[in-house]
N, C-alpha and C. Protein backbone atom coordinates (compact mmCIF):
# COMPACT_ATOMS: atom_id res chain seq x y z
N MET A 1 28.44 50.51 61.62
CA MET A 1 28.99 49.18 61.43
C MET A 1 27.89 48.23 60.95
N PRO A 2 28.12 47.45 59.89
CA PRO A 2 27.08 46.54 59.39
C PRO A 2 26.77 45.45 60.41
N THR A 3 25.55 44.95 60.34
CA THR A 3 25.15 43.89 61.25
C THR A 3 25.42 42.51 60.67
N HIS A 4 25.69 42.43 59.37
CA HIS A 4 25.99 41.16 58.72
C HIS A 4 27.42 41.20 58.21
N PRO A 5 28.14 40.07 58.32
CA PRO A 5 29.53 40.06 57.86
C PRO A 5 29.69 40.30 56.37
N ASP A 6 28.64 40.09 55.57
CA ASP A 6 28.80 40.32 54.13
C ASP A 6 28.38 41.73 53.73
N MET A 7 28.02 42.55 54.69
CA MET A 7 27.69 43.95 54.47
C MET A 7 26.53 44.15 53.50
N THR A 8 25.50 43.32 53.61
CA THR A 8 24.36 43.48 52.72
C THR A 8 23.27 44.35 53.34
N THR A 9 23.42 44.72 54.59
CA THR A 9 22.43 45.63 55.18
C THR A 9 22.82 47.05 54.84
N ASP A 10 21.85 47.95 54.94
CA ASP A 10 22.14 49.35 54.66
C ASP A 10 23.11 49.89 55.70
N THR A 11 24.09 50.61 55.25
CA THR A 11 25.04 51.27 56.13
C THR A 11 25.04 52.74 55.76
N PRO A 12 25.59 53.60 56.60
CA PRO A 12 25.59 55.03 56.26
C PRO A 12 26.22 55.33 54.91
N ASP A 13 27.21 54.52 54.46
CA ASP A 13 27.86 54.80 53.17
C ASP A 13 27.15 54.13 51.99
N SER A 14 26.15 53.27 52.25
CA SER A 14 25.48 52.56 51.17
C SER A 14 24.39 53.41 50.56
N PRO A 15 24.41 53.55 49.23
CA PRO A 15 23.32 54.30 48.61
C PRO A 15 22.05 53.46 48.63
N ASP A 16 20.92 54.09 48.84
CA ASP A 16 19.67 53.38 48.68
C ASP A 16 18.82 54.12 47.66
N ALA A 17 17.69 53.53 47.32
CA ALA A 17 16.88 54.08 46.23
C ALA A 17 16.41 55.51 46.53
N GLY A 18 16.24 55.86 47.80
CA GLY A 18 15.71 57.17 48.13
C GLY A 18 16.77 58.24 48.34
N ALA A 19 18.02 57.86 48.37
CA ALA A 19 19.08 58.83 48.68
C ALA A 19 19.84 59.20 47.41
N THR A 20 20.44 60.37 47.44
CA THR A 20 21.31 60.79 46.36
C THR A 20 22.73 60.40 46.77
N ALA A 21 23.33 59.55 45.98
CA ALA A 21 24.68 59.07 46.28
C ALA A 21 25.60 59.45 45.14
N SER A 22 26.87 59.52 45.46
CA SER A 22 27.83 59.83 44.41
C SER A 22 27.90 58.67 43.42
N PRO A 23 28.25 58.94 42.18
CA PRO A 23 28.39 57.85 41.20
C PRO A 23 29.37 56.77 41.68
N ALA A 24 30.46 57.16 42.32
CA ALA A 24 31.43 56.17 42.81
C ALA A 24 30.81 55.30 43.88
N ALA A 25 30.02 55.89 44.78
CA ALA A 25 29.39 55.11 45.84
C ALA A 25 28.40 54.10 45.27
N VAL A 26 27.66 54.51 44.24
CA VAL A 26 26.72 53.59 43.61
C VAL A 26 27.46 52.44 42.93
N LEU A 27 28.53 52.76 42.20
CA LEU A 27 29.31 51.72 41.53
C LEU A 27 29.97 50.78 42.53
N ASP A 28 30.46 51.32 43.65
CA ASP A 28 31.03 50.48 44.70
C ASP A 28 29.97 49.54 45.27
N ALA A 29 28.79 50.08 45.53
CA ALA A 29 27.71 49.26 46.06
C ALA A 29 27.29 48.19 45.04
N MET A 30 27.23 48.55 43.76
CA MET A 30 26.87 47.58 42.72
C MET A 30 27.86 46.43 42.67
N GLN A 31 29.15 46.75 42.63
CA GLN A 31 30.14 45.66 42.52
C GLN A 31 30.12 44.79 43.75
N HIS A 32 29.90 45.39 44.92
CA HIS A 32 29.84 44.60 46.14
C HIS A 32 28.60 43.70 46.15
N GLN A 33 27.46 44.26 45.79
CA GLN A 33 26.23 43.46 45.78
C GLN A 33 26.30 42.34 44.74
N LEU A 34 26.98 42.56 43.62
CA LEU A 34 27.16 41.49 42.64
C LEU A 34 28.04 40.37 43.19
N ALA A 35 29.07 40.73 43.93
CA ALA A 35 29.93 39.71 44.56
C ALA A 35 29.13 38.90 45.58
N VAL A 36 28.33 39.58 46.39
CA VAL A 36 27.49 38.89 47.37
C VAL A 36 26.47 38.01 46.65
N TYR A 37 25.88 38.55 45.59
CA TYR A 37 24.92 37.78 44.81
C TYR A 37 25.56 36.49 44.26
N ALA A 38 26.75 36.59 43.70
CA ALA A 38 27.41 35.41 43.13
C ALA A 38 27.60 34.34 44.18
N ARG A 39 28.02 34.75 45.37
CA ARG A 39 28.20 33.78 46.44
C ARG A 39 26.85 33.18 46.85
N ARG A 40 25.86 34.01 47.03
CA ARG A 40 24.55 33.51 47.47
C ARG A 40 23.87 32.67 46.39
N ALA A 41 24.08 33.01 45.14
CA ALA A 41 23.48 32.22 44.07
C ALA A 41 24.03 30.79 44.11
N GLU A 42 25.31 30.65 44.32
CA GLU A 42 25.90 29.32 44.42
C GLU A 42 25.40 28.60 45.66
N GLN A 43 25.32 29.29 46.79
CA GLN A 43 24.79 28.67 48.01
C GLN A 43 23.35 28.23 47.81
N THR A 44 22.56 29.05 47.14
CA THR A 44 21.16 28.73 46.89
C THR A 44 21.05 27.54 45.96
N ARG A 45 21.89 27.50 44.92
CA ARG A 45 21.86 26.35 44.01
C ARG A 45 22.20 25.08 44.76
N LEU A 46 23.19 25.16 45.64
CA LEU A 46 23.58 23.98 46.39
C LEU A 46 22.54 23.60 47.44
N GLY A 47 21.91 24.61 48.04
CA GLY A 47 20.87 24.34 49.03
C GLY A 47 19.55 24.02 48.36
N GLY A 48 19.26 24.77 47.34
CA GLY A 48 18.13 24.53 46.47
C GLY A 48 16.76 24.58 47.08
N LEU A 49 15.82 24.12 46.32
CA LEU A 49 14.42 24.12 46.70
C LEU A 49 13.78 22.89 46.07
N GLY A 50 13.19 22.04 46.87
CA GLY A 50 12.51 20.86 46.36
C GLY A 50 13.48 19.79 45.89
N GLN A 51 12.94 18.81 45.16
CA GLN A 51 13.73 17.66 44.73
C GLN A 51 14.76 18.00 43.66
N ALA A 52 14.57 19.09 42.97
CA ALA A 52 15.49 19.44 41.87
C ALA A 52 16.70 20.20 42.35
N ARG A 53 16.83 20.44 43.65
CA ARG A 53 17.97 21.21 44.14
C ARG A 53 19.28 20.49 43.86
N ASN A 54 20.32 21.26 43.65
CA ASN A 54 21.67 20.75 43.42
C ASN A 54 21.72 19.64 42.37
N SER A 55 20.82 19.71 41.41
CA SER A 55 20.72 18.60 40.48
C SER A 55 21.20 18.93 39.08
N MET A 56 21.46 20.19 38.81
CA MET A 56 21.93 20.53 37.48
C MET A 56 22.82 21.76 37.57
N ASP A 57 24.04 21.60 37.10
CA ASP A 57 24.95 22.74 37.16
C ASP A 57 24.60 23.75 36.07
N ARG A 58 25.19 24.91 36.18
CA ARG A 58 24.88 26.02 35.28
C ARG A 58 25.15 25.66 33.82
N ALA A 59 26.29 25.02 33.55
CA ALA A 59 26.64 24.68 32.16
C ALA A 59 25.60 23.74 31.56
N ALA A 60 25.21 22.72 32.30
CA ALA A 60 24.22 21.78 31.80
C ALA A 60 22.88 22.47 31.56
N TYR A 61 22.48 23.31 32.50
CA TYR A 61 21.21 24.03 32.35
C TYR A 61 21.22 24.90 31.10
N LEU A 62 22.28 25.64 30.90
CA LEU A 62 22.35 26.54 29.74
C LEU A 62 22.38 25.76 28.42
N LEU A 63 23.09 24.64 28.39
CA LEU A 63 23.13 23.81 27.18
C LEU A 63 21.75 23.22 26.88
N LEU A 64 21.12 22.64 27.88
CA LEU A 64 19.80 22.04 27.68
C LEU A 64 18.78 23.10 27.28
N ASN A 65 18.86 24.24 27.93
CA ASN A 65 17.93 25.32 27.62
C ASN A 65 18.10 25.79 26.17
N ARG A 66 19.34 25.91 25.72
CA ARG A 66 19.60 26.34 24.33
C ARG A 66 19.03 25.32 23.35
N LEU A 67 19.27 24.04 23.60
CA LEU A 67 18.74 23.00 22.71
C LEU A 67 17.21 23.00 22.73
N ASP A 68 16.62 23.26 23.87
CA ASP A 68 15.17 23.29 23.97
C ASP A 68 14.59 24.47 23.20
N GLN A 69 15.24 25.63 23.30
CA GLN A 69 14.72 26.83 22.65
C GLN A 69 14.98 26.86 21.14
N GLU A 70 16.13 26.31 20.72
CA GLU A 70 16.51 26.45 19.31
C GLU A 70 16.46 25.15 18.52
N GLY A 71 16.24 24.04 19.20
CA GLY A 71 16.14 22.77 18.50
C GLY A 71 17.50 22.12 18.28
N PRO A 72 17.47 20.97 17.62
CA PRO A 72 18.70 20.22 17.38
C PRO A 72 19.73 21.04 16.62
N MET A 73 20.99 20.88 17.00
CA MET A 73 22.07 21.59 16.31
C MET A 73 23.39 20.87 16.56
N GLY A 74 24.36 21.20 15.73
CA GLY A 74 25.68 20.63 15.86
C GLY A 74 26.48 21.32 16.96
N VAL A 75 27.59 20.71 17.31
CA VAL A 75 28.44 21.23 18.37
C VAL A 75 28.93 22.64 18.04
N LYS A 76 29.34 22.87 16.79
CA LYS A 76 29.86 24.20 16.43
C LYS A 76 28.79 25.27 16.56
N ALA A 77 27.58 24.99 16.12
CA ALA A 77 26.49 25.97 16.22
C ALA A 77 26.13 26.21 17.68
N LEU A 78 26.11 25.16 18.47
CA LEU A 78 25.81 25.30 19.89
C LEU A 78 26.89 26.13 20.58
N ALA A 79 28.14 25.86 20.26
CA ALA A 79 29.25 26.62 20.84
C ALA A 79 29.16 28.09 20.44
N ALA A 80 28.91 28.36 19.17
CA ALA A 80 28.83 29.74 18.69
C ALA A 80 27.68 30.48 19.38
N GLY A 81 26.55 29.82 19.52
CA GLY A 81 25.39 30.44 20.15
C GLY A 81 25.59 30.73 21.62
N MET A 82 26.46 29.96 22.26
CA MET A 82 26.70 30.15 23.69
C MET A 82 27.94 30.98 23.98
N GLY A 83 28.70 31.27 22.92
CA GLY A 83 29.89 32.09 23.11
C GLY A 83 31.04 31.34 23.77
N ILE A 84 31.11 30.03 23.53
CA ILE A 84 32.21 29.22 24.07
C ILE A 84 32.78 28.38 22.93
N ASP A 85 33.94 27.77 23.14
CA ASP A 85 34.53 27.02 22.05
C ASP A 85 33.96 25.60 21.97
N SER A 86 34.14 24.99 20.82
CA SER A 86 33.58 23.67 20.54
C SER A 86 34.09 22.60 21.50
N SER A 87 35.37 22.69 21.87
CA SER A 87 35.91 21.67 22.78
C SER A 87 35.23 21.75 24.15
N THR A 88 34.87 22.95 24.58
CA THR A 88 34.16 23.10 25.85
C THR A 88 32.77 22.49 25.76
N VAL A 89 32.07 22.76 24.65
CA VAL A 89 30.74 22.18 24.47
C VAL A 89 30.85 20.66 24.44
N THR A 90 31.81 20.13 23.70
CA THR A 90 31.98 18.68 23.62
C THR A 90 32.18 18.08 25.01
N ARG A 91 33.02 18.71 25.80
CA ARG A 91 33.28 18.23 27.16
C ARG A 91 32.03 18.34 28.04
N GLN A 92 31.28 19.42 27.91
CA GLN A 92 30.09 19.62 28.74
C GLN A 92 28.92 18.75 28.30
N VAL A 93 28.83 18.43 27.02
CA VAL A 93 27.73 17.62 26.51
C VAL A 93 27.93 16.14 26.82
N ALA A 94 29.16 15.68 26.91
CA ALA A 94 29.43 14.25 27.11
C ALA A 94 28.63 13.66 28.28
N PRO A 95 28.67 14.25 29.48
CA PRO A 95 27.88 13.65 30.56
C PRO A 95 26.37 13.74 30.35
N LEU A 96 25.93 14.73 29.57
CA LEU A 96 24.50 14.86 29.28
C LEU A 96 24.05 13.74 28.33
N VAL A 97 24.93 13.36 27.41
CA VAL A 97 24.64 12.23 26.51
C VAL A 97 24.67 10.94 27.32
N GLU A 98 25.70 10.78 28.15
CA GLU A 98 25.82 9.56 28.97
C GLU A 98 24.63 9.37 29.90
N SER A 99 24.09 10.46 30.42
CA SER A 99 22.96 10.34 31.34
C SER A 99 21.61 10.29 30.62
N GLY A 100 21.63 10.37 29.30
CA GLY A 100 20.40 10.24 28.53
C GLY A 100 19.57 11.51 28.41
N LEU A 101 20.14 12.65 28.77
CA LEU A 101 19.41 13.91 28.65
C LEU A 101 19.51 14.51 27.25
N VAL A 102 20.59 14.19 26.56
CA VAL A 102 20.82 14.65 25.19
C VAL A 102 21.14 13.43 24.35
N LYS A 103 20.66 13.46 23.11
CA LYS A 103 21.01 12.35 22.20
C LYS A 103 21.68 12.91 20.96
N ARG A 104 22.57 12.12 20.42
CA ARG A 104 23.25 12.45 19.17
C ARG A 104 22.49 11.76 18.04
N THR A 105 22.18 12.54 17.01
CA THR A 105 21.49 11.98 15.86
C THR A 105 22.17 12.47 14.59
N SER A 106 21.83 11.85 13.49
CA SER A 106 22.37 12.28 12.20
C SER A 106 21.67 13.55 11.76
N HIS A 107 22.44 14.42 11.13
CA HIS A 107 21.88 15.66 10.58
C HIS A 107 20.87 15.27 9.51
N PRO A 108 19.68 15.90 9.50
CA PRO A 108 18.64 15.51 8.54
C PRO A 108 19.04 15.72 7.08
N GLU A 109 19.91 16.70 6.78
CA GLU A 109 20.30 16.98 5.40
C GLU A 109 21.64 16.37 5.04
N ASP A 110 22.50 16.17 6.04
CA ASP A 110 23.83 15.61 5.80
C ASP A 110 24.03 14.49 6.82
N GLY A 111 23.72 13.31 6.43
CA GLY A 111 23.78 12.16 7.33
C GLY A 111 25.13 11.91 7.96
N ARG A 112 26.19 12.52 7.42
CA ARG A 112 27.52 12.33 7.99
C ARG A 112 27.71 13.20 9.23
N ALA A 113 26.99 14.31 9.29
CA ALA A 113 27.13 15.24 10.42
C ALA A 113 26.25 14.78 11.58
N VAL A 114 26.69 15.12 12.79
CA VAL A 114 25.95 14.75 14.00
C VAL A 114 25.34 16.01 14.60
N VAL A 115 24.11 15.89 15.04
CA VAL A 115 23.46 16.98 15.75
C VAL A 115 23.09 16.49 17.14
N LEU A 116 23.00 17.45 18.03
CA LEU A 116 22.60 17.17 19.41
C LEU A 116 21.16 17.63 19.60
N GLU A 117 20.39 16.84 20.31
CA GLU A 117 19.03 17.24 20.60
C GLU A 117 18.62 16.70 21.97
N LEU A 118 17.67 17.38 22.56
CA LEU A 118 17.16 16.93 23.84
C LEU A 118 16.43 15.61 23.66
N SER A 119 16.64 14.71 24.57
CA SER A 119 15.88 13.47 24.59
C SER A 119 14.58 13.75 25.35
N PRO A 120 13.61 12.87 25.27
CA PRO A 120 12.40 13.05 26.09
C PRO A 120 12.74 13.16 27.58
N ARG A 121 13.72 12.40 28.01
CA ARG A 121 14.16 12.48 29.41
C ARG A 121 14.76 13.86 29.69
N GLY A 122 15.51 14.40 28.73
CA GLY A 122 16.09 15.73 28.89
C GLY A 122 15.04 16.81 28.97
N VAL A 123 13.99 16.70 28.15
CA VAL A 123 12.89 17.67 28.18
C VAL A 123 12.23 17.64 29.57
N ALA A 124 11.95 16.45 30.07
CA ALA A 124 11.30 16.32 31.37
C ALA A 124 12.19 16.85 32.49
N ARG A 125 13.46 16.52 32.43
CA ARG A 125 14.39 16.96 33.48
C ARG A 125 14.55 18.48 33.47
N LEU A 126 14.65 19.05 32.27
CA LEU A 126 14.78 20.49 32.15
C LEU A 126 13.55 21.18 32.73
N GLU A 127 12.37 20.67 32.45
CA GLU A 127 11.15 21.28 32.98
C GLU A 127 11.10 21.14 34.50
N GLU A 128 11.57 20.04 35.03
CA GLU A 128 11.62 19.86 36.49
C GLU A 128 12.52 20.91 37.13
N VAL A 129 13.68 21.14 36.53
CA VAL A 129 14.62 22.13 37.07
C VAL A 129 14.06 23.53 36.88
N ARG A 130 13.49 23.82 35.72
CA ARG A 130 12.88 25.14 35.49
C ARG A 130 11.79 25.41 36.52
N SER A 131 10.97 24.43 36.77
CA SER A 131 9.88 24.59 37.74
C SER A 131 10.42 24.88 39.12
N SER A 132 11.45 24.15 39.52
CA SER A 132 12.08 24.39 40.82
C SER A 132 12.65 25.79 40.90
N ARG A 133 13.33 26.21 39.83
CA ARG A 133 13.94 27.55 39.81
C ARG A 133 12.87 28.65 39.76
N ARG A 134 11.78 28.38 39.05
CA ARG A 134 10.66 29.32 39.01
C ARG A 134 10.09 29.50 40.42
N ASN A 135 9.91 28.37 41.13
CA ASN A 135 9.40 28.43 42.50
C ASN A 135 10.36 29.19 43.41
N LEU A 136 11.64 28.98 43.21
CA LEU A 136 12.64 29.69 44.00
C LEU A 136 12.57 31.19 43.73
N MET A 137 12.47 31.58 42.46
CA MET A 137 12.36 33.01 42.13
C MET A 137 11.10 33.61 42.75
N GLN A 138 10.02 32.85 42.72
CA GLN A 138 8.78 33.33 43.31
C GLN A 138 8.95 33.52 44.81
N LEU A 139 9.61 32.59 45.47
CA LEU A 139 9.83 32.69 46.91
C LEU A 139 10.73 33.88 47.26
N ILE A 140 11.82 34.02 46.53
CA ILE A 140 12.76 35.11 46.81
C ILE A 140 12.10 36.47 46.61
N THR A 141 11.23 36.57 45.61
CA THR A 141 10.62 37.86 45.28
C THR A 141 9.16 37.93 45.73
N LYS A 142 8.80 37.16 46.72
CA LYS A 142 7.39 37.08 47.15
C LYS A 142 6.81 38.43 47.57
N ASP A 143 7.65 39.33 48.06
CA ASP A 143 7.18 40.65 48.49
C ASP A 143 7.29 41.70 47.39
N TRP A 144 7.66 41.29 46.18
CA TRP A 144 7.80 42.21 45.06
C TRP A 144 6.51 42.25 44.26
N THR A 145 6.25 43.38 43.64
CA THR A 145 5.12 43.47 42.72
C THR A 145 5.56 42.85 41.38
N GLU A 146 4.58 42.57 40.53
CA GLU A 146 4.93 42.06 39.20
C GLU A 146 5.73 43.11 38.43
N GLU A 147 5.42 44.38 38.66
CA GLU A 147 6.17 45.44 38.00
C GLU A 147 7.64 45.43 38.45
N GLU A 148 7.87 45.24 39.75
CA GLU A 148 9.25 45.18 40.26
C GLU A 148 9.99 43.98 39.69
N ARG A 149 9.30 42.85 39.60
CA ARG A 149 9.93 41.66 39.00
C ARG A 149 10.30 41.94 37.55
N GLY A 150 9.39 42.54 36.82
CA GLY A 150 9.65 42.85 35.41
C GLY A 150 10.79 43.84 35.25
N THR A 151 10.81 44.85 36.10
CA THR A 151 11.89 45.85 36.05
C THR A 151 13.23 45.20 36.36
N PHE A 152 13.27 44.38 37.39
CA PHE A 152 14.52 43.69 37.76
C PHE A 152 15.00 42.82 36.60
N CYS A 153 14.09 42.06 36.00
CA CYS A 153 14.45 41.18 34.89
C CYS A 153 14.97 42.00 33.71
N ALA A 154 14.30 43.10 33.40
CA ALA A 154 14.74 43.95 32.29
C ALA A 154 16.13 44.53 32.55
N LEU A 155 16.36 45.00 33.77
CA LEU A 155 17.66 45.58 34.11
C LEU A 155 18.75 44.51 34.12
N LEU A 156 18.44 43.33 34.62
CA LEU A 156 19.42 42.25 34.64
C LEU A 156 19.76 41.81 33.22
N THR A 157 18.76 41.74 32.37
CA THR A 157 18.99 41.42 30.96
C THR A 157 19.88 42.47 30.31
N ARG A 158 19.59 43.72 30.56
CA ARG A 158 20.40 44.82 30.02
C ARG A 158 21.83 44.73 30.54
N PHE A 159 22.00 44.43 31.82
CA PHE A 159 23.32 44.29 32.43
C PHE A 159 24.10 43.15 31.75
N ASN A 160 23.44 42.00 31.56
CA ASN A 160 24.10 40.86 30.91
C ASN A 160 24.50 41.20 29.48
N ARG A 161 23.65 41.93 28.76
CA ARG A 161 24.02 42.33 27.39
C ARG A 161 25.22 43.27 27.40
N ALA A 162 25.26 44.18 28.37
CA ALA A 162 26.39 45.10 28.47
C ALA A 162 27.68 44.34 28.77
N MET A 163 27.58 43.29 29.58
CA MET A 163 28.76 42.47 29.85
C MET A 163 29.23 41.77 28.58
N LEU A 164 28.30 41.28 27.79
CA LEU A 164 28.65 40.65 26.52
C LEU A 164 29.30 41.66 25.58
N ASP A 165 28.76 42.86 25.54
CA ASP A 165 29.32 43.91 24.68
C ASP A 165 30.74 44.28 25.08
N LEU A 166 31.03 44.17 26.36
CA LEU A 166 32.37 44.48 26.86
C LEU A 166 33.39 43.47 26.35
N HIS A 167 32.97 42.22 26.21
CA HIS A 167 33.83 41.14 25.74
C HIS A 167 33.14 40.41 24.61
N PRO A 168 33.05 41.02 23.43
CA PRO A 168 32.27 40.43 22.34
C PRO A 168 32.78 39.09 21.86
N GLY A 169 34.02 38.74 22.12
CA GLY A 169 34.53 37.43 21.73
C GLY A 169 33.93 36.30 22.54
N ASN A 170 33.22 36.64 23.62
CA ASN A 170 32.62 35.61 24.48
C ASN A 170 31.17 35.35 24.12
N GLY A 171 30.73 35.80 22.98
CA GLY A 171 29.35 35.59 22.56
C GLY A 171 29.25 35.66 21.07
N THR A 172 28.03 35.64 20.59
CA THR A 172 27.83 35.58 19.15
C THR A 172 27.75 36.97 18.52
N GLN A 173 27.59 38.01 19.34
CA GLN A 173 27.44 39.33 18.79
C GLN A 173 28.49 40.25 19.35
N GLY A 174 28.88 41.21 18.57
CA GLY A 174 29.82 42.21 19.02
C GLY A 174 29.09 43.35 19.69
N PRO A 175 29.81 44.43 19.94
CA PRO A 175 29.17 45.57 20.57
C PRO A 175 27.99 46.08 19.75
N ARG A 176 26.93 46.40 20.47
CA ARG A 176 25.73 46.93 19.82
C ARG A 176 25.71 48.42 20.02
N SER A 177 25.27 49.10 19.00
CA SER A 177 25.11 50.56 19.17
C SER A 177 23.71 50.82 19.66
N GLY A 178 23.60 51.77 20.58
CA GLY A 178 22.31 52.18 21.07
C GLY A 178 21.67 51.25 22.05
N SER A 179 22.38 50.25 22.58
CA SER A 179 21.72 49.38 23.56
C SER A 179 22.24 49.63 24.95
């Protein structure tokens, strides 16, 4: 019998890294651990770490991060890059513009078109949240080696890509061969 109500401790039926488990048992454990992770990730975001806790929802973080990494772009390009529709981006960007984290400017080549870009306040706020999240990741994985952190990140990235491949309409790329 598990000692925790969410069944995250090892139980006789749970596969661990040192045991040989059936493929079904591993898949059952994976789906359960992902469900527990989703719940804990939200609890952690709400509980947070430092002053940046509970200060930026996932949609805002992903939008700001995309603008920071790829530079100014229009709503359609931002939506396509994130795998969501333009109306969703418009709705999610509105409070970011109102709060001064994102600014609307004229397209440099076509003055009639509007592009979105991070404001200086948005750059600073994004770095504050990134720093808080970096500290949280460091705390959560404090007993991990750098190799374990790298392996986990690589596997999580691979998992996310496989999820995108399963539903290619939710992103910018369709199924990839050989990935």
